[in-house]
Every structure is written in structure tokens, then in C-alpha cells.
Amino acid sequence: MNEFVDITGARVLSGYVLELTWADGLVTNVDVEPYLWGPAFEPLREPSAFATVTVDTDAGTVVWPATGADLSPEELRLKSRPAVADAEE
């Protein structure tokens, strides 16, 4: 259960919610607003800055290049919930 899994993809859904794709195929959503405080993260409260999120494949986690901020993939995995696909009608 404490197994490390890399993040392989990330995109902003709305607000400060990220959709994360994991190396094991799981896709989850996580609201990262609670982490956006302090010198490296405060600038990310600006939506255009937050939208620059990318994945650092060496670290296996999300990063924001402009500030150098990143988040622990273990914490993101713990706090995220499985994404639910929209039902097609």
C-alpha cells in the first residue's frame, strides 16, 4: 500500500483540481488548493500560473517550472480519488 508510483500525466480540470495519470494506469483527481501557500506556491493561485503544471519524468511528479514548485507524488496519491468518466448520452 505504500508502493511508490510515478505520475505520468497531469492536466487542470477546474480551479485547483488536477487530473493525474499514474504509471500503473490509475487516473485520479485531486484538489491541490490546500498546498498552495508559501513562497514557491503562492504565485500558483493565479490561474494562468497554475495552468503551467507539467510532469517531471525524472521525479515522477507534478511541477510548475516558473516557481520550481513540486508536490510529493505519495501525498497526491494518498489525497486523490479515482476519476469518474462522464457518462455519454
C-alpha atoms as a PDB file:
ATOM      1  CA  MET A   1       0.000   0.000   0.000  1.00  0.00           C
ATOM      2  CA  ASN A   2       2.991   2.313   0.464  1.00  0.00           C
ATOM      3  CA  GLU A   3       4.264   1.428  -3.001  1.00  0.00           C
ATOM      4  CA  PHE A   4       5.720   4.359  -4.926  1.00  0.00           C
ATOM      5  CA  VAL A   5       4.053   5.077  -8.287  1.00  0.00           C
ATOM      6  CA  ASP A   6       5.156   7.813 -10.679  1.00  0.00           C
ATOM      7  CA  ILE A   7       2.806  10.390 -12.133  1.00  0.00           C
ATOM      8  CA  THR A   8       2.961  10.236 -15.934  1.00  0.00           C
ATOM      9  CA  GLY A   9       0.367  12.851 -16.897  1.00  0.00           C
ATOM     10  CA  ALA A  10      -1.369  15.886 -15.421  1.00  0.00           C
ATOM     11  CA  ARG A  11      -3.979  18.370 -16.528  1.00  0.00           C
ATOM     12  CA  VAL A  12      -6.006  21.078 -14.838  1.00  0.00           C
ATOM     13  CA  LEU A  13      -9.723  20.286 -14.641  1.00  0.00           C
ATOM     14  CA  SER A  14     -11.068  23.373 -12.880  1.00  0.00           C
ATOM     15  CA  GLY A  15      -9.946  25.645 -10.104  1.00  0.00           C
ATOM     16  CA  TYR A  16      -7.046  23.880  -8.433  1.00  0.00           C
ATOM     17  CA  VAL A  17      -8.164  20.352  -9.278  1.00  0.00           C
ATOM     18  CA  LEU A  18      -5.693  18.209 -11.195  1.00  0.00           C
ATOM     19  CA  GLU A  19      -6.400  15.048 -13.106  1.00  0.00           C
ATOM     20  CA  LEU A  20      -3.396  12.778 -12.647  1.00  0.00           C
ATOM     21  CA  THR A  21      -2.432   9.736 -14.670  1.00  0.00           C
ATOM     22  CA  TRP A  22      -0.234   7.248 -12.842  1.00  0.00           C
ATOM     23  CA  ALA A  23       2.320   4.778 -14.186  1.00  0.00           C
ATOM     24  CA  ASP A  24       0.094   1.888 -13.106  1.00  0.00           C
ATOM     25  CA  GLY A  25      -2.781   3.206 -15.280  1.00  0.00           C
ATOM     26  CA  LEU A  26      -4.882   4.706 -12.496  1.00  0.00           C
ATOM     27  CA  VAL A  27      -6.420   8.114 -13.232  1.00  0.00           C
ATOM     28  CA  THR A  28      -7.310  10.263 -10.237  1.00  0.00           C
ATOM     29  CA  ASN A  29      -8.462  13.769  -9.358  1.00  0.00           C
ATOM     30  CA  VAL A  30      -7.040  15.823  -6.514  1.00  0.00           C
ATOM     31  CA  ASP A  31      -7.688  19.352  -5.271  1.00  0.00           C
ATOM     32  CA  VAL A  32      -4.272  20.830  -4.505  1.00  0.00           C
ATOM     33  CA  GLU A  33      -5.507  24.195  -3.184  1.00  0.00           C
ATOM     34  CA  PRO A  34      -4.576  23.284   0.428  1.00  0.00           C
ATOM     35  CA  TYR A  35      -0.918  23.059  -0.679  1.00  0.00           C
ATOM     36  CA  LEU A  36      -0.787  26.467  -2.389  1.00  0.00           C
ATOM     37  CA  TRP A  37       0.852  28.547   0.329  1.00  0.00           C
ATOM     38  CA  GLY A  38       4.392  29.758   0.920  1.00  0.00           C
ATOM     39  CA  PRO A  39       6.827  31.486  -1.432  1.00  0.00           C
ATOM     40  CA  ALA A  40       7.010  28.732  -4.081  1.00  0.00           C
ATOM     41  CA  PHE A  41       3.278  28.021  -4.199  1.00  0.00           C
ATOM     42  CA  GLU A  42       1.547  31.373  -3.586  1.00  0.00           C
ATOM     43  CA  PRO A  43       2.110  32.546  -7.202  1.00  0.00           C
ATOM     44  CA  LEU A  44       0.236  29.431  -8.385  1.00  0.00           C
ATOM     45  CA  ARG A  45      -3.020  30.864  -7.040  1.00  0.00           C
ATOM     46  CA  GLU A  46      -3.041  32.858 -10.288  1.00  0.00           C
ATOM     47  CA  PRO A  47      -4.925  30.579 -12.739  1.00  0.00           C
ATOM     48  CA  SER A  48      -2.553  31.229 -15.649  1.00  0.00           C
ATOM     49  CA  ALA A  49       0.441  30.264 -13.496  1.00  0.00           C
ATOM     50  CA  PHE A  50      -1.332  27.196 -12.106  1.00  0.00           C
ATOM     51  CA  ALA A  51      -2.138  26.074 -15.669  1.00  0.00           C
ATOM     52  CA  THR A  52       1.592  25.696 -16.416  1.00  0.00           C
ATOM     53  CA  VAL A  53       1.695  22.423 -14.462  1.00  0.00           C
ATOM     54  CA  THR A  54       3.753  19.706 -16.095  1.00  0.00           C
ATOM     55  CA  VAL A  55       5.234  16.343 -15.154  1.00  0.00           C
ATOM     56  CA  ASP A  56       8.884  15.940 -14.274  1.00  0.00           C
ATOM     57  CA  THR A  57       9.522  12.425 -15.554  1.00  0.00           C
ATOM     58  CA  ASP A  58      12.759  12.114 -13.570  1.00  0.00           C
ATOM     59  CA  ALA A  59      11.000  12.925 -10.288  1.00  0.00           C
ATOM     60  CA  GLY A  60       7.716  11.237 -11.236  1.00  0.00           C
ATOM     61  CA  THR A  61       5.603  14.123 -10.022  1.00  0.00           C
ATOM     62  CA  VAL A  62       3.943  17.396 -10.987  1.00  0.00           C
ATOM     63  CA  VAL A  63       5.969  20.599 -11.174  1.00  0.00           C
ATOM     64  CA  TRP A  64       5.445  24.247 -12.014  1.00  0.00           C
ATOM     65  CA  PRO A  65       8.556  25.365 -13.918  1.00  0.00           C
ATOM     66  CA  ALA A  66       8.169  29.107 -13.279  1.00  0.00           C
ATOM     67  CA  THR A  67       8.414  28.716  -9.498  1.00  0.00           C
ATOM     68  CA  GLY A  68      10.206  25.393  -9.193  1.00  0.00           C
ATOM     69  CA  ALA A  69       7.362  24.128  -7.018  1.00  0.00           C
ATOM     70  CA  ASP A  70       6.518  20.438  -6.938  1.00  0.00           C
ATOM     71  CA  LEU A  71       4.318  18.183  -4.848  1.00  0.00           C
ATOM     72  CA  SER A  72       5.010  14.780  -3.341  1.00  0.00           C
ATOM     73  CA  PRO A  73       3.566  12.017  -5.528  1.00  0.00           C
ATOM     74  CA  GLU A  74       2.972   9.918  -2.405  1.00  0.00           C
ATOM     75  CA  GLU A  75       0.867  12.700  -0.870  1.00  0.00           C
ATOM     76  CA  LEU A  76      -1.033  13.258  -4.112  1.00  0.00           C
ATOM     77  CA  ARG A  77      -1.784   9.540  -4.405  1.00  0.00           C
ATOM     78  CA  LEU A  78      -2.989   9.448  -0.806  1.00  0.00           C
ATOM     79  CA  LYS A  79      -5.262  12.501  -1.187  1.00  0.00           C
ATOM     80  CA  SER A  80      -6.620  11.806  -4.681  1.00  0.00           C
ATOM     81  CA  ARG A  81      -9.749   9.954  -5.652  1.00  0.00           C
ATOM     82  CA  PRO A  82     -10.433   7.866  -8.755  1.00  0.00           C
ATOM     83  CA  ALA A  83     -11.601   9.921 -11.714  1.00  0.00           C
ATOM     84  CA  VAL A  84     -15.083   9.166 -12.933  1.00  0.00           C
ATOM     85  CA  ALA A  85     -15.642   9.261 -16.677  1.00  0.00           C
ATOM     86  CA  ASP A  86     -18.595  11.346 -17.814  1.00  0.00           C
ATOM     87  CA  ALA A  87     -21.485   9.203 -18.924  1.00  0.00           C
ATOM     88  CA  GLU A  88     -22.178   9.585 -22.631  1.00  0.00           C
ATOM     89  CA  GLU A  89     -25.798  10.125 -23.559  1.00  0.00           C
END
